[in-house]
N, C-alpha and C. Protein backbone atom coordinates (compact mmCIF):
# COMPACT_ATOMS: atom_id res chain seq x y z
N MET A 1 6.54 -33.40 -29.99
CA MET A 1 5.81 -33.82 -28.81
C MET A 1 6.34 -33.10 -27.56
N LYS A 2 7.66 -33.01 -27.49
CA LYS A 2 8.28 -32.36 -26.35
C LYS A 2 7.89 -30.88 -26.30
N ARG A 3 7.82 -30.22 -27.46
CA ARG A 3 7.44 -28.82 -27.52
C ARG A 3 5.99 -28.63 -27.07
N MET A 4 5.13 -29.53 -27.46
CA MET A 4 3.72 -29.45 -27.06
C MET A 4 3.59 -29.56 -25.54
N PHE A 5 4.35 -30.47 -24.97
CA PHE A 5 4.30 -30.65 -23.53
C PHE A 5 4.77 -29.40 -22.79
N ILE A 6 5.87 -28.81 -23.26
CA ILE A 6 6.41 -27.60 -22.64
C ILE A 6 5.43 -26.45 -22.81
N ALA A 7 4.84 -26.31 -24.00
CA ALA A 7 3.87 -25.24 -24.24
C ALA A 7 2.65 -25.40 -23.32
N ALA A 8 2.17 -26.62 -23.19
CA ALA A 8 1.02 -26.88 -22.31
C ALA A 8 1.38 -26.59 -20.86
N LEU A 9 2.57 -26.96 -20.46
CA LEU A 9 3.02 -26.71 -19.10
C LEU A 9 3.12 -25.22 -18.82
N LEU A 10 3.70 -24.47 -19.75
CA LEU A 10 3.81 -23.02 -19.59
C LEU A 10 2.44 -22.35 -19.58
N ALA A 11 1.55 -22.77 -20.44
CA ALA A 11 0.20 -22.20 -20.48
C ALA A 11 -0.54 -22.46 -19.17
N GLY A 12 -0.40 -23.67 -18.65
CA GLY A 12 -1.03 -24.00 -17.37
C GLY A 12 -0.47 -23.17 -16.23
N ALA A 13 0.83 -22.97 -16.23
CA ALA A 13 1.47 -22.16 -15.19
C ALA A 13 1.01 -20.72 -15.28
N ALA A 14 0.89 -20.21 -16.49
CA ALA A 14 0.45 -18.81 -16.67
C ALA A 14 -0.98 -18.63 -16.19
N LEU A 15 -1.84 -19.57 -16.50
CA LEU A 15 -3.24 -19.46 -16.08
C LEU A 15 -3.38 -19.57 -14.57
N SER A 16 -2.61 -20.45 -13.95
CA SER A 16 -2.73 -20.63 -12.50
C SER A 16 -2.12 -19.48 -11.72
N SER A 17 -1.17 -18.76 -12.34
CA SER A 17 -0.51 -17.67 -11.62
C SER A 17 -1.26 -16.35 -11.74
N GLN A 18 -2.24 -16.28 -12.63
CA GLN A 18 -2.98 -15.04 -12.81
C GLN A 18 -3.96 -14.87 -11.66
N ALA A 19 -3.77 -13.80 -10.91
CA ALA A 19 -4.69 -13.49 -9.82
C ALA A 19 -5.82 -12.63 -10.38
N ALA A 20 -6.93 -12.66 -9.69
CA ALA A 20 -8.05 -11.83 -10.11
C ALA A 20 -7.65 -10.36 -9.98
N GLU A 21 -8.07 -9.59 -10.96
CA GLU A 21 -7.79 -8.16 -10.93
C GLU A 21 -8.51 -7.53 -9.74
N PRO A 22 -7.83 -6.61 -9.03
CA PRO A 22 -8.50 -5.92 -7.93
C PRO A 22 -9.69 -5.11 -8.45
N THR A 23 -10.72 -5.06 -7.66
CA THR A 23 -11.94 -4.34 -8.03
C THR A 23 -11.96 -2.96 -7.37
N ARG A 24 -12.93 -2.16 -7.76
CA ARG A 24 -13.13 -0.85 -7.12
C ARG A 24 -13.40 -1.05 -5.62
N SER A 25 -14.17 -2.06 -5.32
CA SER A 25 -14.47 -2.36 -3.92
C SER A 25 -13.20 -2.70 -3.14
N ASP A 26 -12.31 -3.46 -3.75
CA ASP A 26 -11.03 -3.79 -3.10
C ASP A 26 -10.23 -2.52 -2.82
N ALA A 27 -10.21 -1.64 -3.81
CA ALA A 27 -9.45 -0.39 -3.66
C ALA A 27 -10.07 0.50 -2.59
N LYS A 28 -11.41 0.60 -2.56
CA LYS A 28 -12.09 1.41 -1.54
C LYS A 28 -11.80 0.87 -0.14
N ASP A 29 -11.89 -0.45 -0.01
CA ASP A 29 -11.62 -1.08 1.29
C ASP A 29 -10.17 -0.84 1.71
N PHE A 30 -9.25 -1.00 0.78
CA PHE A 30 -7.84 -0.80 1.09
C PHE A 30 -7.58 0.63 1.55
N ILE A 31 -8.07 1.61 0.81
CA ILE A 31 -7.79 3.00 1.16
C ILE A 31 -8.46 3.37 2.48
N ALA A 32 -9.61 2.79 2.79
CA ALA A 32 -10.27 3.04 4.08
C ALA A 32 -9.41 2.49 5.23
N ARG A 33 -8.87 1.29 5.04
CA ARG A 33 -8.02 0.71 6.09
C ARG A 33 -6.70 1.47 6.21
N LEU A 34 -6.18 1.93 5.08
CA LEU A 34 -4.96 2.73 5.11
C LEU A 34 -5.20 4.06 5.83
N ASP A 35 -6.32 4.71 5.52
CA ASP A 35 -6.68 5.96 6.21
C ASP A 35 -6.79 5.75 7.72
N ALA A 36 -7.42 4.65 8.11
CA ALA A 36 -7.58 4.35 9.53
C ALA A 36 -6.22 4.15 10.20
N ALA A 37 -5.32 3.45 9.52
CA ALA A 37 -3.99 3.23 10.08
C ALA A 37 -3.22 4.54 10.21
N VAL A 38 -3.32 5.38 9.20
CA VAL A 38 -2.65 6.69 9.26
C VAL A 38 -3.21 7.51 10.41
N GLU A 39 -4.52 7.49 10.58
CA GLU A 39 -5.15 8.26 11.67
C GLU A 39 -4.72 7.71 13.04
N ARG A 40 -4.59 6.38 13.16
CA ARG A 40 -4.11 5.81 14.44
C ARG A 40 -2.71 6.31 14.75
N GLY A 41 -1.86 6.39 13.73
CA GLY A 41 -0.51 6.91 13.93
C GLY A 41 -0.53 8.37 14.33
N ASN A 42 -1.38 9.15 13.67
CA ASN A 42 -1.50 10.57 14.02
C ASN A 42 -1.98 10.73 15.46
N ALA A 43 -2.92 9.91 15.87
CA ALA A 43 -3.44 9.98 17.24
C ALA A 43 -2.34 9.63 18.25
N GLN A 44 -1.52 8.65 17.91
CA GLN A 44 -0.40 8.30 18.80
C GLN A 44 0.52 9.49 19.02
N ILE A 45 0.87 10.14 17.94
CA ILE A 45 1.81 11.25 18.02
C ILE A 45 1.18 12.43 18.75
N ARG A 46 -0.07 12.74 18.44
CA ARG A 46 -0.74 13.87 19.11
C ARG A 46 -0.90 13.64 20.60
N SER A 47 -1.07 12.39 21.01
CA SER A 47 -1.26 12.10 22.43
C SER A 47 0.02 12.28 23.23
N GLY A 48 1.15 12.17 22.55
CA GLY A 48 2.43 12.28 23.25
C GLY A 48 2.74 11.05 24.09
N LYS A 49 1.93 10.02 23.98
CA LYS A 49 2.11 8.82 24.79
C LYS A 49 2.47 7.59 23.96
N ALA A 50 2.99 7.81 22.78
CA ALA A 50 3.33 6.69 21.91
C ALA A 50 4.64 6.07 22.36
N ASP A 51 4.55 4.93 23.02
CA ASP A 51 5.76 4.25 23.46
C ASP A 51 6.38 3.47 22.29
N PRO A 52 7.60 3.02 22.45
CA PRO A 52 8.28 2.32 21.35
C PRO A 52 7.53 1.08 20.85
N VAL A 53 6.85 0.38 21.73
CA VAL A 53 6.10 -0.81 21.31
C VAL A 53 4.95 -0.41 20.40
N GLU A 54 4.23 0.64 20.76
CA GLU A 54 3.11 1.11 19.93
C GLU A 54 3.60 1.66 18.60
N ARG A 55 4.72 2.35 18.63
CA ARG A 55 5.29 2.87 17.38
C ARG A 55 5.68 1.73 16.46
N ARG A 56 6.24 0.68 17.03
CA ARG A 56 6.63 -0.49 16.23
C ARG A 56 5.40 -1.18 15.65
N LYS A 57 4.35 -1.32 16.45
CA LYS A 57 3.11 -1.93 15.96
C LYS A 57 2.54 -1.11 14.80
N GLN A 58 2.62 0.20 14.91
CA GLN A 58 2.14 1.06 13.84
C GLN A 58 2.97 0.87 12.59
N ALA A 59 4.28 0.78 12.75
CA ALA A 59 5.16 0.55 11.60
C ALA A 59 4.83 -0.79 10.94
N GLN A 60 4.57 -1.81 11.74
CA GLN A 60 4.22 -3.13 11.20
C GLN A 60 2.88 -3.09 10.47
N ALA A 61 1.92 -2.37 11.02
CA ALA A 61 0.60 -2.27 10.37
C ALA A 61 0.74 -1.58 9.01
N LEU A 62 1.51 -0.51 8.97
CA LEU A 62 1.70 0.19 7.70
C LEU A 62 2.52 -0.64 6.71
N ALA A 63 3.50 -1.38 7.21
CA ALA A 63 4.29 -2.25 6.32
C ALA A 63 3.40 -3.35 5.74
N SER A 64 2.49 -3.87 6.54
CA SER A 64 1.56 -4.89 6.07
C SER A 64 0.66 -4.33 4.97
N LEU A 65 0.15 -3.12 5.18
CA LEU A 65 -0.67 -2.48 4.16
C LEU A 65 0.15 -2.16 2.92
N GLU A 66 1.39 -1.75 3.12
CA GLU A 66 2.26 -1.47 1.98
C GLU A 66 2.43 -2.73 1.13
N ASN A 67 2.66 -3.86 1.78
CA ASN A 67 2.80 -5.13 1.06
C ASN A 67 1.51 -5.51 0.36
N GLU A 68 0.40 -5.35 1.05
CA GLU A 68 -0.90 -5.68 0.46
C GLU A 68 -1.18 -4.81 -0.76
N GLY A 69 -0.76 -3.56 -0.70
CA GLY A 69 -0.99 -2.64 -1.81
C GLY A 69 -0.36 -3.09 -3.11
N GLY A 70 0.60 -3.98 -3.03
CA GLY A 70 1.23 -4.50 -4.23
C GLY A 70 0.25 -5.16 -5.19
N LYS A 71 -0.87 -5.63 -4.66
CA LYS A 71 -1.86 -6.27 -5.54
C LYS A 71 -2.48 -5.29 -6.53
N PHE A 72 -2.34 -3.99 -6.27
CA PHE A 72 -2.89 -3.00 -7.18
C PHE A 72 -1.93 -2.67 -8.32
N GLY A 73 -0.74 -3.23 -8.27
CA GLY A 73 0.20 -3.09 -9.35
C GLY A 73 0.94 -1.76 -9.36
N VAL A 74 1.70 -1.61 -10.41
CA VAL A 74 2.46 -0.38 -10.62
C VAL A 74 1.96 0.25 -11.92
N LEU A 75 2.65 1.20 -12.41
CA LEU A 75 2.22 1.96 -13.58
C LEU A 75 1.33 1.17 -14.54
N PHE A 76 0.40 1.88 -15.11
CA PHE A 76 -0.49 1.36 -16.15
C PHE A 76 -1.52 0.35 -15.64
N THR A 77 -1.78 0.35 -14.37
CA THR A 77 -2.89 -0.44 -13.83
C THR A 77 -3.89 0.54 -13.24
N PRO A 78 -5.17 0.18 -13.23
CA PRO A 78 -6.19 1.16 -12.85
C PRO A 78 -6.03 1.76 -11.45
N PHE A 79 -5.55 0.96 -10.50
CA PHE A 79 -5.51 1.42 -9.11
C PHE A 79 -4.08 1.50 -8.57
N HIS A 80 -3.10 1.74 -9.45
CA HIS A 80 -1.71 1.75 -8.99
C HIS A 80 -1.45 2.85 -7.96
N LYS A 81 -2.22 3.91 -7.98
CA LYS A 81 -2.02 4.98 -6.99
C LYS A 81 -2.38 4.51 -5.58
N CYS A 82 -3.24 3.50 -5.47
CA CYS A 82 -3.55 2.93 -4.15
C CYS A 82 -2.30 2.25 -3.58
N ASN A 83 -1.59 1.54 -4.44
CA ASN A 83 -0.33 0.92 -4.04
C ASN A 83 0.66 1.99 -3.59
N GLU A 84 0.78 3.04 -4.39
CA GLU A 84 1.73 4.10 -4.08
C GLU A 84 1.35 4.84 -2.80
N ALA A 85 0.06 4.96 -2.52
CA ALA A 85 -0.37 5.60 -1.27
C ALA A 85 0.10 4.78 -0.07
N GLY A 86 0.02 3.46 -0.17
CA GLY A 86 0.50 2.60 0.91
C GLY A 86 1.99 2.74 1.14
N ILE A 87 2.74 2.82 0.06
CA ILE A 87 4.19 3.00 0.15
C ILE A 87 4.51 4.33 0.82
N SER A 88 3.82 5.39 0.39
CA SER A 88 4.09 6.73 0.93
C SER A 88 3.70 6.85 2.40
N ALA A 89 2.60 6.22 2.79
CA ALA A 89 2.19 6.27 4.19
C ALA A 89 3.23 5.60 5.08
N ALA A 90 3.72 4.45 4.65
CA ALA A 90 4.75 3.75 5.43
C ALA A 90 6.04 4.56 5.48
N SER A 91 6.39 5.18 4.37
CA SER A 91 7.60 6.00 4.31
C SER A 91 7.48 7.22 5.23
N ALA A 92 6.32 7.85 5.23
CA ALA A 92 6.10 9.01 6.10
C ALA A 92 6.25 8.62 7.56
N TRP A 93 5.68 7.49 7.95
CA TRP A 93 5.78 7.04 9.34
C TRP A 93 7.24 6.77 9.72
N GLN A 94 7.97 6.12 8.82
CA GLN A 94 9.38 5.86 9.10
C GLN A 94 10.15 7.17 9.26
N GLY A 95 9.85 8.14 8.42
CA GLY A 95 10.49 9.44 8.54
C GLY A 95 10.16 10.11 9.86
N LEU A 96 8.91 9.98 10.27
CA LEU A 96 8.48 10.59 11.53
C LEU A 96 9.19 9.99 12.73
N ILE A 97 9.21 8.67 12.81
CA ILE A 97 9.80 8.05 14.00
C ILE A 97 11.32 8.11 13.99
N SER A 98 11.92 8.30 12.81
CA SER A 98 13.38 8.43 12.77
C SER A 98 13.83 9.89 12.76
N LEU A 99 12.86 10.79 12.93
CA LEU A 99 13.12 12.24 12.99
C LEU A 99 13.76 12.76 11.70
N ASN A 100 13.37 12.17 10.59
CA ASN A 100 13.85 12.61 9.27
C ASN A 100 12.75 13.47 8.66
N ASN A 101 12.84 14.78 8.88
CA ASN A 101 11.79 15.70 8.45
C ASN A 101 11.54 15.64 6.95
N ARG A 102 12.59 15.55 6.18
CA ARG A 102 12.43 15.53 4.72
C ARG A 102 11.65 14.30 4.27
N GLN A 103 12.01 13.14 4.79
CA GLN A 103 11.31 11.91 4.44
C GLN A 103 9.86 11.98 4.90
N PHE A 104 9.64 12.51 6.10
CA PHE A 104 8.28 12.64 6.61
C PHE A 104 7.44 13.56 5.72
N GLU A 105 7.96 14.74 5.43
CA GLU A 105 7.20 15.71 4.63
C GLU A 105 6.95 15.20 3.21
N ASN A 106 7.96 14.60 2.59
CA ASN A 106 7.77 14.03 1.26
C ASN A 106 6.75 12.90 1.28
N GLY A 107 6.82 12.07 2.31
CA GLY A 107 5.88 10.95 2.43
C GLY A 107 4.45 11.42 2.61
N VAL A 108 4.27 12.44 3.45
CA VAL A 108 2.93 12.97 3.69
C VAL A 108 2.37 13.60 2.41
N ASP A 109 3.18 14.42 1.75
CA ASP A 109 2.74 15.05 0.50
C ASP A 109 2.36 14.00 -0.54
N SER A 110 3.21 13.01 -0.70
CA SER A 110 2.94 11.95 -1.67
C SER A 110 1.70 11.16 -1.29
N TYR A 111 1.59 10.82 0.00
CA TYR A 111 0.43 10.06 0.46
C TYR A 111 -0.87 10.80 0.12
N GLU A 112 -0.92 12.07 0.42
CA GLU A 112 -2.15 12.83 0.17
C GLU A 112 -2.50 12.86 -1.32
N LYS A 113 -1.51 13.08 -2.17
CA LYS A 113 -1.74 13.13 -3.63
C LYS A 113 -2.16 11.75 -4.16
N GLU A 114 -1.45 10.72 -3.73
CA GLU A 114 -1.72 9.37 -4.23
C GLU A 114 -3.04 8.83 -3.69
N ARG A 115 -3.36 9.18 -2.46
CA ARG A 115 -4.65 8.80 -1.88
C ARG A 115 -5.78 9.40 -2.71
N GLN A 116 -5.64 10.69 -3.02
CA GLN A 116 -6.67 11.36 -3.81
C GLN A 116 -6.79 10.74 -5.20
N ALA A 117 -5.65 10.43 -5.81
CA ALA A 117 -5.68 9.79 -7.14
C ALA A 117 -6.32 8.41 -7.08
N CYS A 118 -6.08 7.68 -6.00
CA CYS A 118 -6.71 6.37 -5.81
C CYS A 118 -8.22 6.52 -5.71
N LEU A 119 -8.66 7.47 -4.90
CA LEU A 119 -10.10 7.70 -4.75
C LEU A 119 -10.74 8.12 -6.07
N GLU A 120 -10.04 8.92 -6.85
CA GLU A 120 -10.57 9.34 -8.15
C GLU A 120 -10.68 8.13 -9.10
N ALA A 121 -9.73 7.23 -9.03
CA ALA A 121 -9.78 6.03 -9.88
C ALA A 121 -10.93 5.11 -9.47
N VAL A 122 -11.25 5.13 -8.19
CA VAL A 122 -12.33 4.28 -7.67
C VAL A 122 -13.69 4.84 -8.09
N ASN A 123 -13.82 6.15 -8.14
CA ASN A 123 -15.12 6.77 -8.44
C ASN A 123 -15.33 7.05 -9.88
């Protein structure tokens, strides 16, 4: 009886913890918002008027998208490259504002590749 109760409890917990799988639409929306955030950061830098408050807001926006990207999972999930694109975009921004050229360049290269792989998975 005790085993049945534990099994039922574990099965119920597993069912309630399963989130809906992200859809193509979710991935398209995410990558569009990520692209927009990256472009806002690029515009800040090109303008030469990016004050520390705006840079921090940009870092927070990218960190939020990076966290949200976790819903796409890691290896062996259909849209894991969308998650990785969010991570790379945030990393590139951190490299840029901390004047770490290597981190910035690696982040940008990775972002572009992972973004493209995400879009290919969506289409």
